């Protein structure tokens, strides 16, 4: 619970920084007719961080977009099998992608953004965090499904 509060706070601060950057950008461009190059770059970087951070740590699995027509029409046993296969595939692919993704992110440390001079390692880091989160969530989902503790499997069909 404490970690969730920290993740939500960081996500909120990232979004606030994006919003303030956006306001500065609009004011400079349209209020003073002086576009600020750094605000464009910072807005793009913050947008990337906000989206990937929220997907990795803030938005619960149940709130992600899903197509559940098939899910609602099958038995709890089939749902459990679907959950096991799904978590195995997603977690397995995330784990398989982590080494190459980290290698690329680490490689990009030598490059810097055009205006702010930030290392691209920091720009692309949230993607690796997302992969780690997907792997951890998938592991947790697998354990829940294997131990028959996943409450969504036993929900009555609407």
Protein backbone atom coordinates (compact mmCIF):
# COMPACT_ATOMS: atom_id res chain seq x y z
CA UNK A 1 0.00 0.00 0.00
CA UNK A 2 2.86 2.36 0.87
CA UNK A 3 4.61 1.63 -2.44
CA UNK A 4 1.36 2.27 -4.34
CA UNK A 5 1.05 5.68 -2.66
CA UNK A 6 4.63 6.52 -3.65
CA UNK A 7 4.01 5.38 -7.24
CA UNK A 8 0.81 7.46 -7.39
CA UNK A 9 2.61 10.49 -5.96
CA UNK A 10 5.43 10.20 -8.50
CA UNK A 11 2.89 9.77 -11.30
CA UNK A 12 0.99 12.82 -10.10
CA UNK A 13 4.16 14.90 -9.90
CA UNK A 14 5.17 13.83 -13.40
CA UNK A 15 1.75 14.80 -14.73
CA UNK A 16 1.86 18.13 -12.86
CA UNK A 17 5.28 18.86 -14.37
CA UNK A 18 3.92 18.02 -17.83
CA UNK A 19 0.90 20.27 -17.30
CA UNK A 20 3.01 23.20 -16.06
CA UNK A 21 5.44 22.76 -18.95
CA UNK A 22 2.49 22.79 -21.33
CA UNK A 23 1.17 26.02 -19.76
CA UNK A 24 4.58 27.68 -20.04
CA UNK A 25 4.81 26.55 -23.65
CA UNK A 26 1.37 27.97 -24.54
CA UNK A 27 2.02 31.24 -22.71
CA UNK A 28 5.40 31.75 -24.37
CA UNK A 29 4.17 30.82 -27.84
CA UNK A 30 0.83 32.59 -27.94
CA UNK A 31 1.16 35.20 -25.20
CA UNK A 32 4.65 36.49 -26.02
CA UNK A 33 5.15 35.11 -29.53
CA UNK A 34 8.41 33.54 -28.31
CA UNK A 35 8.31 29.73 -28.58
CA UNK A 36 10.63 27.99 -26.14
CA UNK A 37 12.50 25.03 -27.65
CA UNK A 38 13.18 23.45 -24.26
CA UNK A 39 9.48 23.31 -23.40
CA UNK A 40 8.70 21.22 -26.49
CA UNK A 41 11.46 18.75 -25.65
CA UNK A 42 10.58 18.57 -21.96
CA UNK A 43 6.88 18.06 -22.75
CA UNK A 44 7.68 15.09 -25.01
CA UNK A 45 9.97 13.52 -22.41
CA UNK A 46 7.47 14.04 -19.59
CA UNK A 47 4.65 12.67 -21.73
CA UNK A 48 6.65 9.51 -22.35
CA UNK A 49 7.39 9.16 -18.64
CA UNK A 50 3.77 9.83 -17.58
CA UNK A 51 2.30 7.24 -19.95
CA UNK A 52 4.82 4.49 -19.21
CA UNK A 53 4.92 5.19 -15.46
CA UNK A 54 1.13 5.10 -15.21
CA UNK A 55 0.93 1.88 -17.21
CA UNK A 56 3.64 0.25 -15.12
CA UNK A 57 2.77 1.37 -11.61
CA UNK A 58 -0.44 3.39 -11.30
CA UNK A 59 -3.24 1.84 -13.37
CA UNK A 60 -4.45 -1.49 -11.92
CA UNK A 61 -4.64 -4.46 -14.27
CA UNK A 62 -8.45 -4.45 -14.15
CA UNK A 63 -8.52 -0.85 -15.45
CA UNK A 64 -6.49 -1.51 -18.59
CA UNK A 65 -8.44 -1.69 -21.84
CA UNK A 66 -9.51 -5.24 -22.62
CA UNK A 67 -11.84 -7.14 -24.88
CA UNK A 68 -13.82 -9.38 -22.56
CA UNK A 69 -16.56 -10.79 -24.79
CA UNK A 70 -14.93 -14.23 -24.83
CA UNK A 71 -13.99 -14.01 -21.13
CA UNK A 72 -17.60 -13.45 -20.09
CA UNK A 73 -18.88 -16.37 -22.16
CA UNK A 74 -16.64 -19.16 -20.81
CA UNK A 75 -16.57 -21.24 -17.64
CA UNK A 76 -14.32 -20.46 -14.64
CA UNK A 77 -12.05 -23.38 -15.60
CA UNK A 78 -11.50 -21.93 -19.07
CA UNK A 79 -10.99 -18.47 -17.56
CA UNK A 80 -8.31 -19.86 -15.28
CA UNK A 81 -6.56 -21.47 -18.25
CA UNK A 82 -6.82 -18.20 -20.21
CA UNK A 83 -5.35 -16.32 -17.26
CA UNK A 84 -2.45 -18.80 -16.95
CA UNK A 85 -1.65 -18.65 -20.67
CA UNK A 86 -2.00 -14.87 -20.80
CA UNK A 87 0.24 -14.19 -17.84
CA UNK A 88 2.80 -16.71 -19.09
CA UNK A 89 2.93 -15.05 -22.52
CA UNK A 90 3.02 -11.46 -21.30
CA UNK A 91 5.48 -12.15 -18.49
CA UNK A 92 7.66 -14.34 -20.68
CA UNK A 93 7.84 -11.77 -23.46
CA UNK A 94 8.59 -8.98 -20.97
CA UNK A 95 11.38 -11.02 -19.37
CA UNK A 96 12.79 -11.89 -22.79
CA UNK A 97 12.76 -8.21 -23.81
CA UNK A 98 14.44 -6.85 -20.67
CA UNK A 99 18.11 -7.62 -21.54
CA UNK A 100 17.97 -6.17 -25.06
CA UNK A 101 15.90 -3.19 -23.93
CA UNK A 102 18.27 -2.42 -21.08
CA UNK A 103 21.22 -2.83 -23.46
CA UNK A 104 19.68 -0.27 -25.83
CA UNK A 105 18.79 2.15 -23.03
CA UNK A 106 22.29 1.85 -21.60
CA UNK A 107 23.81 2.29 -25.08
CA UNK A 108 21.80 5.49 -25.54
CA UNK A 109 23.57 7.01 -22.51
CA UNK A 110 26.17 8.34 -24.93
CA UNK A 111 23.57 10.42 -26.79
CA UNK A 112 21.92 13.55 -25.42
CA UNK A 113 18.71 15.38 -26.27
CA UNK A 114 19.12 18.31 -28.65
CA UNK A 115 18.08 21.19 -26.40
CA UNK A 116 18.19 20.11 -22.75
CA UNK A 117 21.21 17.85 -23.11
CA UNK A 118 19.59 15.05 -21.09
CA UNK A 119 21.00 11.60 -21.54
CA UNK A 120 18.70 9.41 -23.62
CA UNK A 121 19.28 6.74 -20.99
CA UNK A 122 16.99 8.76 -18.70
CA UNK A 123 14.51 9.43 -21.49
CA UNK A 124 14.02 5.73 -22.32
CA UNK A 125 14.41 4.28 -18.80
CA UNK A 126 10.65 4.07 -18.11
CA UNK A 127 10.29 1.44 -20.84
CA UNK A 128 12.59 -0.91 -18.91
CA UNK A 129 10.62 -0.13 -15.74
CA UNK A 130 7.43 -1.05 -17.62
CA UNK A 131 8.91 -4.39 -18.68
CA UNK A 132 9.98 -5.14 -15.11
CA UNK A 133 6.51 -4.24 -13.88
CA UNK A 134 4.87 -6.47 -16.50
CA UNK A 135 7.07 -9.37 -15.46
CA UNK A 136 6.27 -8.86 -11.76
CA UNK A 137 2.52 -8.45 -12.38
CA UNK A 138 2.49 -11.54 -14.57
CA UNK A 139 4.29 -13.56 -11.91
CA UNK A 140 1.78 -12.39 -9.30
CA UNK A 141 -1.11 -13.22 -11.65
CA UNK A 142 0.29 -16.68 -12.32
CA UNK A 143 0.61 -17.40 -8.61
CA UNK A 144 -2.94 -16.16 -8.01
CA UNK A 145 -4.36 -18.28 -10.85
CA UNK A 146 -2.39 -21.40 -9.91
CA UNK A 147 -3.57 -21.17 -6.30
CA UNK A 148 -7.13 -20.44 -7.42
CA UNK A 149 -7.08 -17.05 -5.66
CA UNK A 150 -7.99 -14.89 -8.68
CA UNK A 151 -11.45 -13.57 -7.83
CA UNK A 152 -12.11 -12.37 -11.40
CA UNK A 153 -12.16 -15.97 -12.60
CA UNK A 154 -15.16 -16.79 -10.42
CA UNK A 155 -17.23 -13.67 -11.11
CA UNK A 156 -20.71 -14.41 -12.44
CA UNK A 157 -21.23 -13.65 -16.10
CA UNK A 158 -23.12 -10.40 -16.72
